[in-house]
Amino acid sequence: MDVFVDQSKLLGTLPVIYNVANLPKPAPGEPALITFTDATTMFHEFGHGLHGMFANTIYPTLSGASTAADFVEFPSQFNEHWALYPAVFHHYARHYKTGEPMPAELAAKIKNASTFNQGYALTEIVAAAELDMQWHTLPPSAPLQQPDAFEKQALEKTHLLLSAVPPRYRSSYFRHIWDISEDYAAGYYAYLWAEMLDDDAYQWFEDNGGITRANGDRFRQMILSRGNTEDLTKMYAAWRGKDPSVEPMMKYRGLLEASH
C-alpha cells in the first residue's frame, strides 16, 4: 500500500491510495487463481488502504498510516482476521467453475492449520526483536562487534539462544533493521506489538456482535480516521474500553489453550 495524495483538511485534499500485488500470471487460457496466503496479504494491504482512505485530519503529515511503526501494522494485521471470517470467507472463497462456496470441512482445515508450529514462529520473531534492540542500544563507545559472537551473547542474555529455533534473521542479512528507509531499526518488535493489538481488537469485535455496521463505524471513527493526531496508546484504550491484553494473541496463535 502507498499514497499518491494524503488526506488533509488544511490543503483540502482527499486521499488517493493504492495497493500493489505481485501475483502469479496464469497459463494462457487459465483463470488467475491465488493462494490463501495471497488472499490474506491482500486483506492486509487493504487494511493499510482503509487507514489511508478513512483519514479525517487537518495535517497531511499526521494523516492515515503516518503513525509510529508499532501502530501502523495494527489496522492491516487486524484486517487479516476478516479473510477467514465466515460471512466474508463464504463470499469470495468459491469454486471458480461452479461458484459453490468452499466446503466447511476444507475451510476448517485452513483455520486449524493457522496454529501449526506457532511455538517456533513466536520464538524466532521474539529472538529477532531482541537481537535488533540489543544492536541498537549499544553505546557509541562500544568497540567493533563480531556479529556471530554478539548474537550469541545477546540471545543468551535474553534466554533465547536455542539451536533448534534461531532468530528469524541473522545480523548479516537483517535488512529491516539496517536499511534506513525501512524505519524498523530498534523497532522490529513492532510487528509483535501490533499483533497483540490486532488480536485484542478482533476479540472486541467477537465479544460485541462481530462484523456489524455499528462496530465498523466505531472503529473507523475512533481509530482509522484519526491517524497520528492523538497519543496512540490512549486512542486505542478509548476505543477498546481498556488497555490491550496479550491473551487474545496467545489464543489465536493456539498457545493459550495448550497452557491450560
Protein backbone atom coordinates (compact mmCIF):
# COMPACT_ATOMS: atom_id res chain seq x y z
CA MET A 1 0.00 0.00 0.00
CA ASP A 2 1.14 3.51 -0.68
CA VAL A 3 -0.27 7.01 -1.08
CA PHE A 4 -0.39 9.35 -4.06
CA VAL A 5 -2.24 12.09 -2.13
CA ASP A 6 -2.65 12.34 1.65
CA GLN A 7 -5.99 13.43 3.06
CA SER A 8 -5.75 16.90 4.57
CA LYS A 9 -8.34 19.45 5.69
CA LEU A 10 -5.59 22.08 5.67
CA LEU A 11 -4.83 21.52 1.99
CA GLY A 12 -8.36 20.49 1.04
CA THR A 13 -7.17 17.16 -0.37
CA LEU A 14 -8.90 13.81 -0.43
CA PRO A 15 -6.82 10.64 -0.11
CA VAL A 16 -5.63 8.77 -3.19
CA ILE A 17 -4.48 5.33 -2.05
CA TYR A 18 -3.26 2.32 -3.99
CA ASN A 19 -2.42 -1.32 -3.35
CA VAL A 20 0.07 -3.27 -5.46
CA ALA A 21 0.00 -7.06 -5.62
CA ASN A 22 2.60 -9.45 -7.04
CA LEU A 23 0.51 -12.41 -8.16
CA PRO A 24 1.48 -15.30 -10.42
CA LYS A 25 0.46 -14.94 -14.05
CA PRO A 26 -1.85 -17.76 -15.18
CA ALA A 27 -1.10 -20.03 -18.09
CA PRO A 28 -2.75 -18.95 -21.36
CA GLY A 29 -6.48 -19.60 -21.20
CA GLU A 30 -6.40 -20.49 -17.49
CA PRO A 31 -8.01 -18.48 -14.67
CA ALA A 32 -5.89 -16.30 -12.37
CA LEU A 33 -6.20 -18.27 -9.12
CA ILE A 34 -4.38 -17.22 -5.95
CA THR A 35 -3.37 -18.97 -2.75
CA PHE A 36 -4.96 -18.25 0.60
CA THR A 37 -1.65 -16.66 1.65
CA ASP A 38 -2.00 -14.23 -1.25
CA ALA A 39 -5.61 -13.55 -0.27
CA THR A 40 -4.54 -12.81 3.30
CA THR A 41 -1.85 -10.45 2.02
CA MET A 42 -4.49 -8.60 0.00
CA PHE A 43 -6.62 -8.20 3.13
CA HIS A 44 -3.52 -6.96 4.98
CA GLU A 45 -2.63 -4.31 2.40
CA PHE A 46 -6.26 -3.23 2.10
CA GLY A 47 -6.21 -2.69 5.88
CA HIS A 48 -3.43 -0.15 5.28
CA GLY A 49 -5.57 1.23 2.45
CA LEU A 50 -8.55 1.74 4.75
CA HIS A 51 -6.31 3.54 7.23
CA GLY A 52 -5.46 6.00 4.46
CA MET A 53 -8.89 6.27 2.84
CA PHE A 54 -10.75 6.85 6.10
CA ALA A 55 -8.32 9.56 7.25
CA ASN A 56 -10.00 12.71 8.56
CA THR A 57 -7.30 15.00 9.88
CA ILE A 58 -6.07 18.56 9.38
CA TYR A 59 -2.40 17.97 8.63
CA PRO A 60 -1.20 15.59 5.88
CA THR A 61 1.83 14.51 7.93
CA LEU A 62 -0.50 13.10 10.61
CA SER A 63 -2.96 11.55 8.20
CA GLY A 64 -3.84 7.89 7.73
CA ALA A 65 -0.98 5.43 8.15
CA SER A 66 1.54 8.12 9.19
CA THR A 67 1.82 6.61 12.66
CA ALA A 68 4.57 5.01 14.72
CA ALA A 69 5.90 1.68 13.45
CA ASP A 70 4.43 -0.25 16.39
CA PHE A 71 0.94 1.00 15.49
CA VAL A 72 0.95 1.25 11.72
CA GLU A 73 0.76 -2.53 11.27
CA PHE A 74 -2.23 -2.77 13.62
CA PRO A 75 -5.03 -1.84 11.16
CA SER A 76 -3.52 -4.01 8.41
CA GLN A 77 -2.95 -7.09 10.58
CA PHE A 78 -6.39 -6.57 12.12
CA ASN A 79 -7.94 -6.64 8.64
CA GLU A 80 -6.39 -10.07 8.02
CA HIS A 81 -8.84 -11.57 10.51
CA TRP A 82 -11.74 -10.97 8.13
CA ALA A 83 -10.17 -13.20 5.47
CA LEU A 84 -11.38 -16.26 7.41
CA TYR A 85 -14.47 -14.71 8.98
CA PRO A 86 -17.34 -16.95 7.80
CA ALA A 87 -19.59 -14.23 6.35
CA VAL A 88 -16.66 -12.78 4.39
CA PHE A 89 -14.92 -16.05 3.53
CA HIS A 90 -18.03 -17.62 2.01
CA HIS A 91 -18.50 -14.52 -0.11
CA TYR A 92 -15.23 -14.91 -2.02
CA ALA A 93 -13.90 -18.46 -1.41
CA ARG A 94 -15.89 -20.11 -4.16
CA HIS A 95 -15.14 -22.71 -6.79
CA TYR A 96 -14.05 -20.89 -9.94
CA LYS A 97 -16.19 -23.12 -12.19
CA THR A 98 -19.33 -23.87 -10.19
CA GLY A 99 -19.49 -20.83 -7.90
CA GLU A 100 -20.08 -23.12 -4.92
CA PRO A 101 -18.64 -21.92 -1.59
CA MET A 102 -15.70 -23.85 -0.14
CA PRO A 103 -16.90 -26.85 1.91
CA ALA A 104 -16.95 -26.23 5.65
CA GLU A 105 -14.52 -29.11 6.28
CA LEU A 106 -11.89 -27.59 3.99
CA ALA A 107 -12.37 -24.13 5.49
CA ALA A 108 -11.91 -25.68 8.95
CA LYS A 109 -8.62 -27.24 7.83
CA ILE A 110 -7.33 -23.83 6.74
CA LYS A 111 -8.27 -22.33 10.10
CA ASN A 112 -6.77 -25.21 12.07
CA ALA A 113 -3.54 -25.04 10.08
CA SER A 114 -3.05 -21.41 11.16
CA THR A 115 -1.96 -22.55 14.63
CA PHE A 116 0.59 -25.09 13.38
CA ASN A 117 4.17 -24.57 14.62
CA GLN A 118 3.31 -21.32 16.39
CA GLY A 119 5.66 -22.01 19.30
CA TYR A 120 8.54 -21.96 16.81
CA ALA A 121 7.20 -18.94 14.93
CA LEU A 122 6.72 -16.86 18.06
CA THR A 123 10.14 -17.73 19.46
CA GLU A 124 12.02 -16.87 16.25
CA ILE A 125 10.40 -13.43 15.96
CA VAL A 126 10.92 -12.64 19.66
CA ALA A 127 14.59 -13.59 19.24
CA ALA A 128 14.91 -11.34 16.18
CA ALA A 129 13.24 -8.44 18.00
CA GLU A 130 15.57 -8.83 20.99
CA LEU A 131 18.63 -9.06 18.74
CA ASP A 132 17.58 -5.89 16.90
CA MET A 133 17.07 -3.98 20.15
CA GLN A 134 20.44 -5.02 21.55
CA TRP A 135 22.30 -3.97 18.41
CA HIS A 136 20.69 -0.54 18.51
CA THR A 137 21.22 0.07 22.22
CA LEU A 138 24.99 -0.38 22.03
CA PRO A 139 26.59 2.84 23.32
CA PRO A 140 28.73 4.90 20.92
CA SER A 141 31.77 3.95 22.96
CA ALA A 142 31.27 0.20 22.36
CA PRO A 143 34.08 -1.50 20.40
CA LEU A 144 33.55 -3.05 16.98
CA GLN A 145 31.45 -6.17 17.39
CA GLN A 146 31.86 -9.58 15.78
CA PRO A 147 28.31 -10.41 14.58
CA ASP A 148 28.25 -14.11 15.47
CA ALA A 149 29.72 -13.54 18.93
CA PHE A 150 27.39 -10.60 19.58
CA GLU A 151 24.32 -12.61 18.52
CA LYS A 152 25.26 -15.47 20.85
CA GLN A 153 25.74 -13.09 23.78
CA ALA A 154 22.53 -11.16 23.02
CA LEU A 155 20.40 -14.30 22.80
CA GLU A 156 21.99 -15.85 25.89
CA LYS A 157 21.21 -12.70 27.84
CA THR A 158 17.51 -12.99 26.96
CA HIS A 159 17.36 -16.82 27.30
CA LEU A 160 16.66 -17.17 23.59
CA LEU A 161 19.81 -18.99 22.47
CA LEU A 162 18.07 -22.10 21.13
CA SER A 163 19.83 -24.12 18.44
CA ALA A 164 16.51 -25.54 17.23
CA VAL A 165 14.93 -22.06 16.91
CA PRO A 166 17.36 -19.45 15.55
CA PRO A 167 16.22 -15.82 15.21
CA ARG A 168 14.21 -15.16 12.08
CA TYR A 169 17.08 -13.12 10.62
CA ARG A 170 20.82 -13.23 11.26
CA SER A 171 22.56 -9.88 11.64
CA SER A 172 24.33 -10.07 8.27
CA TYR A 173 21.02 -10.07 6.36
CA PHE A 174 18.62 -8.45 8.83
CA ARG A 175 17.59 -5.86 6.23
CA HIS A 176 14.69 -4.39 8.27
CA ILE A 177 16.99 -3.04 10.95
CA TRP A 178 19.92 -1.81 8.81
CA ASP A 179 18.16 -0.16 5.88
CA ILE A 180 17.32 3.39 6.97
CA SER A 181 14.41 3.51 4.51
CA GLU A 182 12.64 0.74 6.45
CA ASP A 183 12.24 2.66 9.75
CA TYR A 184 12.46 -0.52 11.81
CA ALA A 185 15.87 -0.01 13.44
CA ALA A 186 15.32 -0.73 17.15
CA GLY A 187 11.70 -1.36 16.18
CA TYR A 188 11.39 -4.86 14.79
CA TYR A 189 9.32 -5.66 17.87
CA ALA A 190 6.62 -3.50 16.25
CA TYR A 191 5.13 -6.45 14.35
CA LEU A 192 4.54 -8.38 17.57
CA TRP A 193 3.19 -5.35 19.42
CA ALA A 194 0.83 -4.65 16.52
CA GLU A 195 -0.21 -8.32 16.51
CA MET A 196 -1.10 -8.05 20.17
CA LEU A 197 -3.23 -5.00 19.36
CA ASP A 198 -4.91 -6.55 16.30
CA ASP A 199 -5.83 -9.79 18.08
CA ASP A 200 -7.11 -7.85 21.09
CA ALA A 201 -9.17 -5.65 18.75
CA TYR A 202 -10.61 -8.65 16.93
CA GLN A 203 -11.57 -10.10 20.31
CA TRP A 204 -13.56 -6.92 20.96
CA PHE A 205 -15.47 -7.46 17.72
CA GLU A 206 -16.07 -11.11 18.65
CA ASP A 207 -17.41 -10.03 22.06
CA ASN A 208 -19.62 -7.30 20.61
CA GLY A 209 -21.52 -8.92 17.76
CA GLY A 210 -18.82 -9.34 15.14
CA ILE A 211 -18.86 -7.60 11.78
CA THR A 212 -21.71 -5.09 12.09
CA ARG A 213 -22.10 -1.62 10.60
CA ALA A 214 -22.14 -0.06 14.07
CA ASN A 215 -18.93 -1.80 15.10
CA GLY A 216 -17.21 -0.87 11.85
CA ASP A 217 -18.26 2.78 12.11
CA ARG A 218 -16.99 2.95 15.69
CA PHE A 219 -13.61 1.53 14.65
CA ARG A 220 -13.46 3.90 11.70
CA GLN A 221 -14.30 6.99 13.74
CA MET A 222 -12.17 6.23 16.81
CA ILE A 223 -9.12 4.60 15.17
CA LEU A 224 -8.83 4.68 11.38
CA SER A 225 -9.89 8.30 10.83
CA ARG A 226 -7.56 9.80 13.42
CA GLY A 227 -4.14 8.91 12.03
CA ASN A 228 -1.40 10.15 14.33
CA THR A 229 -3.34 13.05 15.87
CA GLU A 230 -3.54 11.58 19.39
CA ASP A 231 -1.45 9.54 21.79
CA LEU A 232 -1.89 6.13 20.17
CA THR A 233 -1.98 4.22 23.47
CA LYS A 234 -4.78 6.45 24.78
CA MET A 235 -6.58 6.31 21.43
CA TYR A 236 -6.64 2.52 21.49
CA ALA A 237 -7.74 2.34 25.14
CA ALA A 238 -10.56 4.82 24.49
CA TRP A 239 -11.87 2.65 21.65
CA ARG A 240 -11.30 -0.68 23.43
CA GLY A 241 -12.53 0.47 26.84
CA LYS A 242 -9.33 -0.80 28.47
CA ASP A 243 -5.66 -1.40 27.80
CA PRO A 244 -4.85 -4.22 25.38
CA SER A 245 -4.20 -7.76 26.64
CA VAL A 246 -1.76 -10.34 25.31
CA GLU A 247 -4.19 -13.22 25.93
CA PRO A 248 -6.09 -12.92 22.60
CA MET A 249 -2.79 -13.14 20.70
CA MET A 250 -1.84 -16.29 22.57
CA LYS A 251 -5.30 -17.70 21.93
CA TYR A 252 -5.29 -17.02 18.17
CA ARG A 253 -1.79 -18.48 17.88
CA GLY A 254 -3.16 -21.62 19.55
CA LEU A 255 -0.84 -21.29 22.56
CA LEU A 256 -3.24 -20.28 25.32
CA GLU A 257 -5.32 -23.48 25.36
CA ALA A 258 -2.18 -25.61 25.41
CA SER A 259 -1.06 -23.88 28.60
CA HIS A 260 -4.26 -24.72 30.48
